[in-house]
Amino acid sequence: QFRETPPPRLSNSGMLTSRRATSALRRCRTPLYASFSSCPDVPKNQNAPPAASEGPAKPKKILSVRASPAQNLRNALEALDEMIEEADRKVEKKYRPNMFAEFKQLNDTEGKVLEGSETLIEVGKAKSVPSLKVDTLDGKQVDVQNFVTNGKATLVLTAFKNYGLDMLPAWRDGFVAAFGDKQGKLDSRVQTVTLNVIEDWYMKLVSGSITRGLQEKTPKELHATTFAHFGRCDEFRTPMALDNSFVGYAHLVDGKGRIRWIAGGPATPKELDRLAKVTKQLLAQSAQHRRR
């Protein structure tokens, strides 16, 4: 009784067009392109106000309907890598002891683990000397942070082992030669501090003997500015970049306790010249700030 309706005939173009279908597609076009902002055919006259431009912004790689699934996956992975790298840059790398890696670095660099720069570290990038409770060789308890924030330029010399301790006199002698008089008295605008860190827990049992040994090895006039600390101090080592326990370190600290120069390993004539140069620059900057 019922006859099957014959299929519609196709036009010359092979497609059946409809005004309603065309209108619906036009209505869908804007939201579709808005969902995939990387599509090149986004209409220019959209109602959304243009974003304020603050210089050329780096284009972000996002998913696109015109890209293949493999390309979209690559874009997503690259964007993820960029996010991870950005997060790593913001997170401070904390010191973690690794004697094998540190010993390898010592051998690979022949002790010169960090060469002193020709210029000062910019104030905006400089880290501050953290707090660390220590004992002076003349029996007083002080905080390193308080000692280096008294307005003077301070050369902080740090060692963890005897091998590194033997590197420190050359740094101090070169500094005194540049800023001391014939009797070895330093310019009143600068000072030196020597920090001995003994991290092995069992050394606390013989701390008295170690302190007496340091007293015998250190000139008496330097006892008040020579410190000893027994125990781990990872939170102190991290901002100070004390990454190798075998060598001695030299830090130039400004009057506000900011680290403006650093070197690790034995002092070289070139580095001593650089240290003298950057210290003079630091003193000139301090004098200029005081005149303002």
C-alpha atoms as a PDB file:
ATOM      1  CA  GLN A   1       0.000   0.000   0.000  1.00  0.00           C
ATOM      2  CA  PHE A   2       2.867   2.365   0.769  1.00  0.00           C
ATOM      3  CA  ARG A   3       5.338   3.333  -1.871  1.00  0.00           C
ATOM      4  CA  GLU A   4       8.930   4.079  -1.027  1.00  0.00           C
ATOM      5  CA  THR A   5       9.814   7.744  -1.493  1.00  0.00           C
ATOM      6  CA  PRO A   6      12.463   8.111  -4.179  1.00  0.00           C
ATOM      7  CA  PRO A   7      15.721   9.858  -3.188  1.00  0.00           C
ATOM      8  CA  PRO A   8      16.052  13.509  -4.200  1.00  0.00           C
ATOM      9  CA  ARG A   9      17.833  14.241  -7.381  1.00  0.00           C
ATOM     10  CA  LEU A  10      21.257  15.860  -7.147  1.00  0.00           C
ATOM     11  CA  SER A  11      21.994  19.108  -8.919  1.00  0.00           C
ATOM     12  CA  ASN A  12      24.782  19.578 -11.424  1.00  0.00           C
ATOM     13  CA  SER A  13      27.244  20.226  -8.562  1.00  0.00           C
ATOM     14  CA  GLY A  14      26.373  16.882  -6.986  1.00  0.00           C
ATOM     15  CA  MET A  15      25.102  18.437  -3.702  1.00  0.00           C
ATOM     16  CA  LEU A  16      21.631  19.259  -2.409  1.00  0.00           C
ATOM     17  CA  THR A  17      21.610  22.788  -0.989  1.00  0.00           C
ATOM     18  CA  SER A  18      19.170  24.202   1.493  1.00  0.00           C
ATOM     19  CA  ARG A  19      18.733  27.739   2.657  1.00  0.00           C
ATOM     20  CA  ARG A  20      18.050  26.555   6.200  1.00  0.00           C
ATOM     21  CA  ALA A  21      21.193  24.409   6.288  1.00  0.00           C
ATOM     22  CA  THR A  22      23.270  27.272   4.924  1.00  0.00           C
ATOM     23  CA  SER A  23      21.895  29.654   7.541  1.00  0.00           C
ATOM     24  CA  ALA A  24      22.591  27.169  10.332  1.00  0.00           C
ATOM     25  CA  LEU A  25      26.150  26.674   9.175  1.00  0.00           C
ATOM     26  CA  ARG A  26      26.691  30.428   9.159  1.00  0.00           C
ATOM     27  CA  ARG A  27      25.410  30.660  12.725  1.00  0.00           C
ATOM     28  CA  CYS A  28      27.773  27.870  13.833  1.00  0.00           C
ATOM     29  CA  ARG A  29      30.803  29.280  12.084  1.00  0.00           C
ATOM     30  CA  THR A  30      31.730  31.959  14.615  1.00  0.00           C
ATOM     31  CA  PRO A  31      31.595  29.769  17.747  1.00  0.00           C
ATOM     32  CA  LEU A  32      33.484  27.041  15.915  1.00  0.00           C
ATOM     33  CA  TYR A  33      36.347  29.339  15.024  1.00  0.00           C
ATOM     34  CA  ALA A  34      36.263  30.942  18.459  1.00  0.00           C
ATOM     35  CA  SER A  35      36.838  27.529  20.006  1.00  0.00           C
ATOM     36  CA  PHE A  36      40.053  27.073  18.004  1.00  0.00           C
ATOM     37  CA  SER A  37      41.758  30.444  18.019  1.00  0.00           C
ATOM     38  CA  SER A  38      44.719  29.211  15.999  1.00  0.00           C
ATOM     39  CA  CYS A  39      42.552  28.733  12.901  1.00  0.00           C
ATOM     40  CA  PRO A  40      43.679  31.186  10.187  1.00  0.00           C
ATOM     41  CA  ASP A  41      40.165  32.092   9.030  1.00  0.00           C
ATOM     42  CA  VAL A  42      38.888  33.785  12.198  1.00  0.00           C
ATOM     43  CA  PRO A  43      36.644  36.705  11.183  1.00  0.00           C
ATOM     44  CA  LYS A  44      38.315  40.055  11.776  1.00  0.00           C
ATOM     45  CA  ASN A  45      35.183  41.944  12.840  1.00  0.00           C
ATOM     46  CA  GLN A  46      34.312  40.045  16.002  1.00  0.00           C
ATOM     47  CA  ASN A  47      32.455  41.742  18.821  1.00  0.00           C
ATOM     48  CA  ALA A  48      35.149  40.985  21.407  1.00  0.00           C
ATOM     49  CA  PRO A  49      37.298  44.062  22.151  1.00  0.00           C
ATOM     50  CA  PRO A  50      40.920  43.766  21.089  1.00  0.00           C
ATOM     51  CA  ALA A  51      43.372  42.944  23.859  1.00  0.00           C
ATOM     52  CA  ALA A  52      45.787  45.649  24.882  1.00  0.00           C
ATOM     53  CA  SER A  53      49.088  44.984  23.206  1.00  0.00           C
ATOM     54  CA  GLU A  54      52.251  45.292  25.283  1.00  0.00           C
ATOM     55  CA  GLY A  55      54.811  44.547  22.637  1.00  0.00           C
ATOM     56  CA  PRO A  56      54.974  41.459  20.460  1.00  0.00           C
ATOM     57  CA  ALA A  57      53.630  38.520  22.440  1.00  0.00           C
ATOM     58  CA  LYS A  58      55.071  35.085  21.924  1.00  0.00           C
ATOM     59  CA  PRO A  59      52.502  32.924  20.104  1.00  0.00           C
ATOM     60  CA  LYS A  60      51.288  30.028  22.176  1.00  0.00           C
ATOM     61  CA  LYS A  61      51.048  26.618  20.615  1.00  0.00           C
ATOM     62  CA  ILE A  62      47.545  25.300  21.124  1.00  0.00           C
ATOM     63  CA  LEU A  63      45.406  22.662  19.529  1.00  0.00           C
ATOM     64  CA  SER A  64      44.068  23.357  16.063  1.00  0.00           C
ATOM     65  CA  VAL A  65      41.304  21.680  14.080  1.00  0.00           C
ATOM     66  CA  ARG A  66      43.409  22.087  10.952  1.00  0.00           C
ATOM     67  CA  ALA A  67      46.444  20.304  12.377  1.00  0.00           C
ATOM     68  CA  SER A  68      46.889  16.567  12.353  1.00  0.00           C
ATOM     69  CA  PRO A  69      46.552  14.648  15.641  1.00  0.00           C
ATOM     70  CA  ALA A  70      50.303  14.011  15.583  1.00  0.00           C
ATOM     71  CA  GLN A  71      51.046  17.740  15.203  1.00  0.00           C
ATOM     72  CA  ASN A  72      48.631  18.618  18.003  1.00  0.00           C
ATOM     73  CA  LEU A  73      50.379  16.082  20.242  1.00  0.00           C
ATOM     74  CA  ARG A  74      53.782  17.581  19.421  1.00  0.00           C
ATOM     75  CA  ASN A  75      52.495  21.085  20.156  1.00  0.00           C
ATOM     76  CA  ALA A  76      51.033  19.962  23.471  1.00  0.00           C
ATOM     77  CA  LEU A  77      54.283  18.255  24.517  1.00  0.00           C
ATOM     78  CA  GLU A  78      56.349  21.312  23.554  1.00  0.00           C
ATOM     79  CA  ALA A  79      54.023  23.561  25.554  1.00  0.00           C
ATOM     80  CA  LEU A  80      54.337  21.203  28.530  1.00  0.00           C
ATOM     81  CA  ASP A  81      58.147  21.284  28.274  1.00  0.00           C
ATOM     82  CA  GLU A  82      58.073  25.084  28.283  1.00  0.00           C
ATOM     83  CA  MET A  83      55.881  25.108  31.392  1.00  0.00           C
ATOM     84  CA  ILE A  84      58.230  22.709  33.191  1.00  0.00           C
ATOM     85  CA  GLU A  85      61.297  24.785  32.254  1.00  0.00           C
ATOM     86  CA  GLU A  86      59.593  27.953  33.469  1.00  0.00           C
ATOM     87  CA  ALA A  87      58.708  26.284  36.769  1.00  0.00           C
ATOM     88  CA  ASP A  88      62.302  25.050  37.176  1.00  0.00           C
ATOM     89  CA  ARG A  89      63.610  28.574  36.675  1.00  0.00           C
ATOM     90  CA  LYS A  90      61.378  29.873  39.449  1.00  0.00           C
ATOM     91  CA  VAL A  91      62.258  27.134  41.939  1.00  0.00           C
ATOM     92  CA  GLU A  92      65.565  27.603  43.737  1.00  0.00           C
ATOM     93  CA  LYS A  93      67.848  24.605  43.392  1.00  0.00           C
ATOM     94  CA  LYS A  94      68.563  23.417  46.919  1.00  0.00           C
ATOM     95  CA  TYR A  95      71.948  22.013  47.798  1.00  0.00           C
ATOM     96  CA  ARG A  96      72.018  18.257  48.218  1.00  0.00           C
ATOM     97  CA  PRO A  97      75.265  16.545  49.267  1.00  0.00           C
ATOM     98  CA  ASN A  98      76.751  14.268  46.623  1.00  0.00           C
ATOM     99  CA  MET A  99      80.369  13.499  47.407  1.00  0.00           C
ATOM    100  CA  PHE A 100      80.933  11.449  44.249  1.00  0.00           C
ATOM    101  CA  ALA A 101      79.699  14.240  41.966  1.00  0.00           C
ATOM    102  CA  GLU A 102      81.629  16.867  43.922  1.00  0.00           C
ATOM    103  CA  PHE A 103      84.843  14.850  43.789  1.00  0.00           C
ATOM    104  CA  LYS A 104      84.400  14.325  40.047  1.00  0.00           C
ATOM    105  CA  GLN A 105      83.899  18.066  39.579  1.00  0.00           C
ATOM    106  CA  LEU A 106      87.048  18.687  41.606  1.00  0.00           C
ATOM    107  CA  ASN A 107      89.078  16.417  39.314  1.00  0.00           C
ATOM    108  CA  ASP A 108      87.501  17.637  36.084  1.00  0.00           C
ATOM    109  CA  THR A 109      88.170  21.302  36.889  1.00  0.00           C
ATOM    110  CA  GLU A 110      91.493  20.762  38.698  1.00  0.00           C
ATOM    111  CA  GLY A 111      89.983  22.518  41.693  1.00  0.00           C
ATOM    112  CA  LYS A 112      88.757  25.624  39.885  1.00  0.00           C
ATOM    113  CA  VAL A 113      85.029  24.844  40.209  1.00  0.00           C
ATOM    114  CA  LEU A 114      83.905  28.452  39.748  1.00  0.00           C
ATOM    115  CA  GLU A 115      85.939  31.238  38.150  1.00  0.00           C
ATOM    116  CA  GLY A 116      85.394  34.743  39.457  1.00  0.00           C
ATOM    117  CA  SER A 117      83.635  37.048  37.011  1.00  0.00           C
ATOM    118  CA  GLU A 118      85.000  40.298  35.591  1.00  0.00           C
ATOM    119  CA  THR A 119      81.924  42.203  36.759  1.00  0.00           C
ATOM    120  CA  LEU A 120      79.747  42.551  39.823  1.00  0.00           C
ATOM    121  CA  ILE A 121      76.484  40.678  40.115  1.00  0.00           C
ATOM    122  CA  GLU A 122      73.636  43.142  39.558  1.00  0.00           C
ATOM    123  CA  VAL A 123      71.796  44.252  42.681  1.00  0.00           C
ATOM    124  CA  GLY A 124      68.494  42.937  41.346  1.00  0.00           C
ATOM    125  CA  LYS A 125      69.982  39.474  40.805  1.00  0.00           C
ATOM    126  CA  ALA A 126      72.148  39.336  43.928  1.00  0.00           C
ATOM    127  CA  LYS A 127      71.144  36.973  46.737  1.00  0.00           C
ATOM    128  CA  SER A 128      71.555  37.878  50.374  1.00  0.00           C
ATOM    129  CA  VAL A 129      73.787  36.093  52.835  1.00  0.00           C
ATOM    130  CA  PRO A 130      71.432  33.949  54.965  1.00  0.00           C
ATOM    131  CA  SER A 131      71.447  33.644  58.721  1.00  0.00           C
ATOM    132  CA  LEU A 132      73.902  31.181  60.278  1.00  0.00           C
ATOM    133  CA  LYS A 133      74.817  30.975  63.949  1.00  0.00           C
ATOM    134  CA  VAL A 134      78.565  30.501  64.437  1.00  0.00           C
ATOM    135  CA  ASP A 135      81.253  30.676  67.127  1.00  0.00           C
ATOM    136  CA  THR A 136      84.236  32.978  66.800  1.00  0.00           C
ATOM    137  CA  LEU A 137      87.685  31.721  67.700  1.00  0.00           C
ATOM    138  CA  ASP A 138      87.711  34.115  70.652  1.00  0.00           C
ATOM    139  CA  GLY A 139      84.670  32.400  72.166  1.00  0.00           C
ATOM    140  CA  LYS A 140      81.717  34.561  71.097  1.00  0.00           C
ATOM    141  CA  GLN A 141      78.505  33.500  69.369  1.00  0.00           C
ATOM    142  CA  VAL A 142      77.487  35.623  66.376  1.00  0.00           C
ATOM    143  CA  ASP A 143      75.316  35.470  63.267  1.00  0.00           C
ATOM    144  CA  VAL A 144      77.133  35.686  59.944  1.00  0.00           C
ATOM    145  CA  GLN A 145      74.249  37.658  58.459  1.00  0.00           C
ATOM    146  CA  ASN A 146      74.531  40.399  61.091  1.00  0.00           C
ATOM    147  CA  PHE A 147      78.279  40.564  60.610  1.00  0.00           C
ATOM    148  CA  VAL A 148      78.079  41.341  56.881  1.00  0.00           C
ATOM    149  CA  THR A 149      75.320  43.970  57.028  1.00  0.00           C
ATOM    150  CA  ASN A 150      77.262  46.678  58.848  1.00  0.00           C
ATOM    151  CA  GLY A 151      77.840  48.870  55.784  1.00  0.00           C
ATOM    152  CA  LYS A 152      81.272  47.511  54.879  1.00  0.00           C
ATOM    153  CA  ALA A 153      82.307  45.531  51.823  1.00  0.00           C
ATOM    154  CA  THR A 154      83.124  42.065  53.141  1.00  0.00           C
ATOM    155  CA  LEU A 155      85.250  39.300  51.675  1.00  0.00           C
ATOM    156  CA  VAL A 156      83.730  36.085  53.045  1.00  0.00           C
ATOM    157  CA  LEU A 157      86.061  33.073  52.813  1.00  0.00           C
ATOM    158  CA  THR A 158      84.500  29.645  53.381  1.00  0.00           C
ATOM    159  CA  ALA A 159      85.945  26.139  53.664  1.00  0.00           C
ATOM    160  CA  PHE A 160      84.562  22.740  54.636  1.00  0.00           C
ATOM    161  CA  LYS A 161      87.708  20.599  54.574  1.00  0.00           C
ATOM    162  CA  ASN A 162      91.438  21.123  55.072  1.00  0.00           C
ATOM    163  CA  TYR A 163      91.993  21.000  51.307  1.00  0.00           C
ATOM    164  CA  GLY A 164      89.724  24.006  50.850  1.00  0.00           C
ATOM    165  CA  LEU A 165      91.018  25.727  53.979  1.00  0.00           C
ATOM    166  CA  ASP A 166      94.513  25.804  52.495  1.00  0.00           C
ATOM    167  CA  MET A 167      93.142  27.812  49.529  1.00  0.00           C
ATOM    168  CA  LEU A 168      91.859  30.695  51.651  1.00  0.00           C
ATOM    169  CA  PRO A 169      95.103  32.492  52.673  1.00  0.00           C
ATOM    170  CA  ALA A 170      95.894  33.353  49.041  1.00  0.00           C
ATOM    171  CA  TRP A 171      92.510  35.040  48.668  1.00  0.00           C
ATOM    172  CA  ARG A 172      92.917  37.016  51.864  1.00  0.00           C
ATOM    173  CA  ASP A 173      96.532  37.999  51.171  1.00  0.00           C
ATOM    174  CA  GLY A 174      95.595  39.300  47.723  1.00  0.00           C
ATOM    175  CA  PHE A 175      92.717  41.298  49.193  1.00  0.00           C
ATOM    176  CA  VAL A 176      94.900  42.775  51.936  1.00  0.00           C
ATOM    177  CA  ALA A 177      97.567  43.677  49.379  1.00  0.00           C
ATOM    178  CA  ALA A 178      94.980  45.676  47.429  1.00  0.00           C
ATOM    179  CA  PHE A 179      93.199  47.357  50.355  1.00  0.00           C
ATOM    180  CA  GLY A 180      95.629  47.303  53.265  1.00  0.00           C
ATOM    181  CA  ASP A 181      98.531  49.471  54.378  1.00  0.00           C
ATOM    182  CA  LYS A 182     102.132  48.373  54.833  1.00  0.00           C
ATOM    183  CA  GLN A 183     101.317  46.925  58.250  1.00  0.00           C
ATOM    184  CA  GLY A 184      98.468  44.860  56.771  1.00  0.00           C
ATOM    185  CA  LYS A 185      95.701  46.948  58.325  1.00  0.00           C
ATOM    186  CA  LEU A 186      92.667  47.004  56.053  1.00  0.00           C
ATOM    187  CA  ASP A 187      90.878  50.065  54.749  1.00  0.00           C
ATOM    188  CA  SER A 188      88.069  50.936  57.171  1.00  0.00           C
ATOM    189  CA  ARG A 189      85.507  50.441  54.375  1.00  0.00           C
ATOM    190  CA  VAL A 190      86.296  46.742  53.942  1.00  0.00           C
ATOM    191  CA  GLN A 191      86.668  43.651  56.130  1.00  0.00           C
ATOM    192  CA  THR A 192      87.322  39.930  55.814  1.00  0.00           C
ATOM    193  CA  VAL A 193      85.543  36.981  57.418  1.00  0.00           C
ATOM    194  CA  THR A 194      86.665  33.350  57.442  1.00  0.00           C
ATOM    195  CA  LEU A 195      84.061  30.630  57.944  1.00  0.00           C
ATOM    196  CA  ASN A 196      85.026  27.048  58.782  1.00  0.00           C
ATOM    197  CA  VAL A 197      82.132  24.596  58.393  1.00  0.00           C
ATOM    198  CA  ILE A 198      82.553  21.108  59.869  1.00  0.00           C
ATOM    199  CA  GLU A 199      79.502  19.133  58.750  1.00  0.00           C
ATOM    200  CA  ASP A 200      80.253  15.578  59.940  1.00  0.00           C
ATOM    201  CA  TRP A 201      78.058  14.946  62.968  1.00  0.00           C
ATOM    202  CA  TYR A 202      80.699  13.004  64.868  1.00  0.00           C
ATOM    203  CA  MET A 203      83.073  15.978  64.722  1.00  0.00           C
ATOM    204  CA  LYS A 204      80.891  17.702  67.301  1.00  0.00           C
ATOM    205  CA  LEU A 205      82.287  15.229  69.826  1.00  0.00           C
ATOM    206  CA  VAL A 206      85.758  16.715  69.339  1.00  0.00           C
ATOM    207  CA  SER A 207      84.695  20.296  68.576  1.00  0.00           C
ATOM    208  CA  GLY A 208      86.941  21.635  71.324  1.00  0.00           C
ATOM    209  CA  SER A 209      90.040  20.046  69.810  1.00  0.00           C
ATOM    210  CA  ILE A 210      89.138  21.313  66.328  1.00  0.00           C
ATOM    211  CA  THR A 211      88.599  24.856  67.622  1.00  0.00           C
ATOM    212  CA  ARG A 212      91.964  24.811  69.396  1.00  0.00           C
ATOM    213  CA  GLY A 213      93.604  23.609  66.187  1.00  0.00           C
ATOM    214  CA  LEU A 214      92.047  26.498  64.255  1.00  0.00           C
ATOM    215  CA  GLN A 215      93.198  28.945  66.931  1.00  0.00           C
ATOM    216  CA  GLU A 216      96.785  27.721  66.595  1.00  0.00           C
ATOM    217  CA  LYS A 217      96.632  27.942  62.801  1.00  0.00           C
ATOM    218  CA  THR A 218      95.052  31.422  62.694  1.00  0.00           C
ATOM    219  CA  PRO A 219      96.828  34.676  63.657  1.00  0.00           C
ATOM    220  CA  LYS A 220      95.437  36.012  66.936  1.00  0.00           C
ATOM    221  CA  GLU A 221      94.345  39.304  65.383  1.00  0.00           C
ATOM    222  CA  LEU A 222      91.969  37.335  63.123  1.00  0.00           C
ATOM    223  CA  HIS A 223      90.301  35.271  65.864  1.00  0.00           C
ATOM    224  CA  ALA A 224      87.358  37.693  66.166  1.00  0.00           C
ATOM    225  CA  THR A 225      86.576  37.392  62.442  1.00  0.00           C
ATOM    226  CA  THR A 226      87.230  33.659  62.066  1.00  0.00           C
ATOM    227  CA  PHE A 227      84.162  31.506  62.640  1.00  0.00           C
ATOM    228  CA  ALA A 228      83.422  27.820  63.195  1.00  0.00           C
ATOM    229  CA  HIS A 229      80.129  26.042  62.572  1.00  0.00           C
ATOM    230  CA  PHE A 230      79.526  22.386  63.452  1.00  0.00           C
ATOM    231  CA  GLY A 231      76.750  20.558  61.610  1.00  0.00           C
ATOM    232  CA  ARG A 232      74.937  20.640  58.280  1.00  0.00           C
ATOM    233  CA  CYS A 233      73.933  24.008  56.837  1.00  0.00           C
ATOM    234  CA  ASP A 234      72.203  23.214  53.523  1.00  0.00           C
ATOM    235  CA  GLU A 235      69.922  26.256  53.764  1.00  0.00           C
ATOM    236  CA  PHE A 236      73.014  28.438  54.059  1.00  0.00           C
ATOM    237  CA  ARG A 237      74.877  26.698  51.247  1.00  0.00           C
ATOM    238  CA  THR A 238      72.058  27.052  48.701  1.00  0.00           C
ATOM    239  CA  PRO A 239      71.977  30.862  48.230  1.00  0.00           C
ATOM    240  CA  MET A 240      75.736  31.066  48.733  1.00  0.00           C
ATOM    241  CA  ALA A 241      76.274  28.561  45.872  1.00  0.00           C
ATOM    242  CA  LEU A 242      78.605  26.488  48.058  1.00  0.00           C
ATOM    243  CA  ASP A 243      78.136  23.433  45.874  1.00  0.00           C
ATOM    244  CA  ASN A 244      81.499  21.717  46.339  1.00  0.00           C
ATOM    245  CA  SER A 245      82.725  20.665  49.771  1.00  0.00           C
ATOM    246  CA  PHE A 246      86.342  20.155  48.741  1.00  0.00           C
ATOM    247  CA  VAL A 247      87.333  23.685  47.697  1.00  0.00           C
ATOM    248  CA  GLY A 248      87.469  27.075  49.355  1.00  0.00           C
ATOM    249  CA  TYR A 249      85.112  29.870  48.290  1.00  0.00           C
ATOM    250  CA  ALA A 250      85.469  33.646  48.141  1.00  0.00           C
ATOM    251  CA  HIS A 251      82.380  35.883  48.242  1.00  0.00           C
ATOM    252  CA  LEU A 252      82.371  39.661  47.947  1.00  0.00           C
ATOM    253  CA  VAL A 253      79.390  40.989  49.904  1.00  0.00           C
ATOM    254  CA  ASP A 254      78.162  44.584  49.845  1.00  0.00           C
ATOM    255  CA  GLY A 255      77.229  46.623  52.913  1.00  0.00           C
ATOM    256  CA  LYS A 256      73.646  45.360  52.843  1.00  0.00           C
ATOM    257  CA  GLY A 257      74.622  41.699  52.863  1.00  0.00           C
ATOM    258  CA  ARG A 258      74.121  41.009  49.151  1.00  0.00           C
ATOM    259  CA  ILE A 259      76.482  38.643  47.324  1.00  0.00           C
ATOM    260  CA  ARG A 260      78.014  40.639  44.453  1.00  0.00           C
ATOM    261  CA  TRP A 261      80.898  38.377  43.394  1.00  0.00           C
ATOM    262  CA  ILE A 262      81.876  34.754  43.932  1.00  0.00           C
ATOM    263  CA  ALA A 263      84.713  32.382  43.069  1.00  0.00           C
ATOM    264  CA  GLY A 264      85.399  28.779  44.024  1.00  0.00           C
ATOM    265  CA  GLY A 265      88.796  27.095  44.126  1.00  0.00           C
ATOM    266  CA  PRO A 266      92.396  28.321  44.356  1.00  0.00           C
ATOM    267  CA  ALA A 267      92.990  32.010  43.715  1.00  0.00           C
ATOM    268  CA  THR A 268      94.628  32.922  40.411  1.00  0.00           C
ATOM    269  CA  PRO A 269      96.430  36.227  39.681  1.00  0.00           C
ATOM    270  CA  LYS A 270      93.722  37.083  37.160  1.00  0.00           C
ATOM    271  CA  GLU A 271      90.971  36.531  39.721  1.00  0.00           C
ATOM    272  CA  LEU A 272      92.773  38.557  42.390  1.00  0.00           C
ATOM    273  CA  ASP A 273      92.981  41.457  39.929  1.00  0.00           C
ATOM    274  CA  ARG A 274      89.278  41.060  39.196  1.00  0.00           C
ATOM    275  CA  LEU A 275      88.457  40.954  42.910  1.00  0.00           C
ATOM    276  CA  ALA A 276      90.347  44.204  43.510  1.00  0.00           C
ATOM    277  CA  LYS A 277      88.641  45.833  40.520  1.00  0.00           C
ATOM    278  CA  VAL A 278      85.079  44.874  41.457  1.00  0.00           C
ATOM    279  CA  THR A 279      85.678  45.798  45.115  1.00  0.00           C
ATOM    280  CA  LYS A 280      86.715  49.308  44.053  1.00  0.00           C
ATOM    281  CA  GLN A 281      83.581  49.510  41.914  1.00  0.00           C
ATOM    282  CA  LEU A 282      81.494  48.410  44.887  1.00  0.00           C
ATOM    283  CA  LEU A 283      83.072  51.038  47.153  1.00  0.00           C
ATOM    284  CA  ALA A 284      82.449  53.708  44.514  1.00  0.00           C
ATOM    285  CA  GLN A 285      78.792  52.684  44.277  1.00  0.00           C
ATOM    286  CA  SER A 286      78.430  52.806  48.058  1.00  0.00           C
ATOM    287  CA  ALA A 287      79.980  56.276  48.221  1.00  0.00           C
ATOM    288  CA  GLN A 288      77.651  57.489  45.494  1.00  0.00           C
ATOM    289  CA  HIS A 289      74.585  56.199  47.364  1.00  0.00           C
ATOM    290  CA  ARG A 290      75.694  57.900  50.582  1.00  0.00           C
ATOM    291  CA  ARG A 291      76.026  61.257  48.802  1.00  0.00           C
ATOM    292  CA  ARG A 292      72.421  61.083  47.585  1.00  0.00           C
END
